[in-house]
Amino acid sequence: MMANIECEMDGYIALFTEADVANQGDTAGNVRENLKEALELFFETASANQDPPAFTEPDHRKPLTGTLMSITRQSRLPRTPFEQPER
């Protein structure tokens, strides 16, 4: 895992983009330790409080045909930003 650490005027800022966790510290070593602790807490909390995502097994007996949008609807995938509302 990698984090971005940047030097600011009054200290350091660390950002772990994969989990959207950020922290700060007075020194580079301090910010690393703070980020490590924040990530440990984040992953402990996330695994304790979240159910695994629901997954619906697709029905492979019936082939899906049509445009990308109609196949997306047939597969019951979530609506996406590029899809226009039905009229």
Protein backbone atom coordinates (compact mmCIF):
# COMPACT_ATOMS: atom_id res chain seq x y z
CA MET A 1 0.00 0.00 0.00
CA MET A 2 1.17 3.50 -0.79
CA ALA A 3 0.25 6.88 0.62
CA ASN A 4 0.99 10.38 -0.63
CA ILE A 5 2.88 12.51 1.90
CA GLU A 6 3.22 16.22 1.21
CA CYS A 7 5.11 18.90 3.10
CA GLU A 8 2.97 21.91 3.97
CA MET A 9 4.06 25.17 5.59
CA ASP A 10 3.17 24.01 9.10
CA GLY A 11 3.73 20.24 8.88
CA TYR A 12 3.02 17.19 6.75
CA ILE A 13 -0.16 15.76 5.28
CA ALA A 14 -0.60 12.09 4.35
CA LEU A 15 -3.36 10.77 2.09
CA PHE A 16 -4.15 7.13 1.47
CA THR A 17 -6.38 7.43 -1.58
CA GLU A 18 -7.46 3.77 -1.78
CA ALA A 19 -9.45 4.15 1.45
CA ASP A 20 -9.87 7.96 1.36
CA VAL A 21 -8.06 8.34 4.70
CA ALA A 22 -5.96 11.43 5.46
CA ASN A 23 -3.91 12.56 8.43
CA GLN A 24 -1.38 15.18 9.45
CA GLY A 25 1.74 15.46 11.58
CA ASP A 26 4.64 17.73 12.50
CA THR A 27 7.30 15.53 10.87
CA ALA A 28 7.33 12.95 8.06
CA GLY A 29 7.84 10.17 10.62
CA ASN A 30 5.03 11.51 12.80
CA VAL A 31 2.59 11.69 9.89
CA ARG A 32 3.46 8.09 8.88
CA GLU A 33 2.72 6.84 12.39
CA ASN A 34 -0.52 8.86 12.56
CA LEU A 35 -1.65 7.51 9.18
CA LYS A 36 -0.81 3.94 10.19
CA GLU A 37 -2.98 4.30 13.30
CA ALA A 38 -5.81 5.94 11.33
CA LEU A 39 -5.76 3.13 8.74
CA GLU A 40 -5.80 0.44 11.43
CA LEU A 41 -8.86 2.07 13.00
CA PHE A 42 -10.50 2.55 9.61
CA PHE A 43 -10.12 -1.12 8.62
CA GLU A 44 -11.18 -2.39 12.06
CA THR A 45 -14.32 -0.24 11.95
CA ALA A 46 -15.12 -1.00 8.30
CA SER A 47 -14.87 -4.76 8.75
CA ALA A 48 -16.88 -4.73 11.98
CA ASN A 49 -19.72 -2.48 10.77
CA GLN A 50 -20.29 -3.45 7.15
CA ASP A 51 -22.02 -6.40 5.65
CA PRO A 52 -20.46 -7.83 2.52
CA PRO A 53 -21.98 -6.40 -0.66
CA ALA A 54 -25.00 -8.24 -1.98
CA PHE A 55 -24.38 -10.22 -5.14
CA THR A 56 -27.10 -11.61 -7.33
CA GLU A 57 -26.11 -14.63 -9.35
CA PRO A 58 -26.91 -13.97 -13.03
CA ASP A 59 -29.16 -16.42 -14.84
CA HIS A 60 -26.92 -17.82 -17.58
CA ARG A 61 -29.64 -19.99 -19.06
CA LYS A 62 -31.07 -17.04 -21.00
CA PRO A 63 -28.64 -15.08 -23.22
CA LEU A 64 -28.79 -11.29 -23.00
CA THR A 65 -29.23 -9.51 -26.32
CA GLY A 66 -29.71 -5.92 -27.38
CA THR A 67 -28.00 -2.60 -26.82
CA LEU A 68 -25.60 -2.02 -23.95
CA MET A 69 -28.29 -0.19 -21.97
CA SER A 70 -30.91 -2.91 -22.50
CA ILE A 71 -28.41 -5.63 -21.52
CA THR A 72 -27.53 -3.62 -18.41
CA ARG A 73 -31.23 -3.48 -17.50
CA GLN A 74 -31.70 -7.21 -18.20
CA SER A 75 -28.73 -8.10 -15.99
CA ARG A 76 -30.22 -6.04 -13.13
CA LEU A 77 -27.01 -4.09 -12.67
CA PRO A 78 -27.33 -0.69 -10.97
CA ARG A 79 -28.20 2.24 -13.20
CA THR A 80 -25.20 4.18 -14.39
CA PRO A 81 -24.75 7.93 -15.06
CA PHE A 82 -24.64 7.41 -18.84
CA GLU A 83 -28.05 5.77 -18.96
CA GLN A 84 -31.00 8.01 -19.83
CA PRO A 85 -34.18 7.69 -17.74
CA GLU A 86 -36.91 5.58 -19.34
CA ARG A 87 -39.84 7.53 -20.80
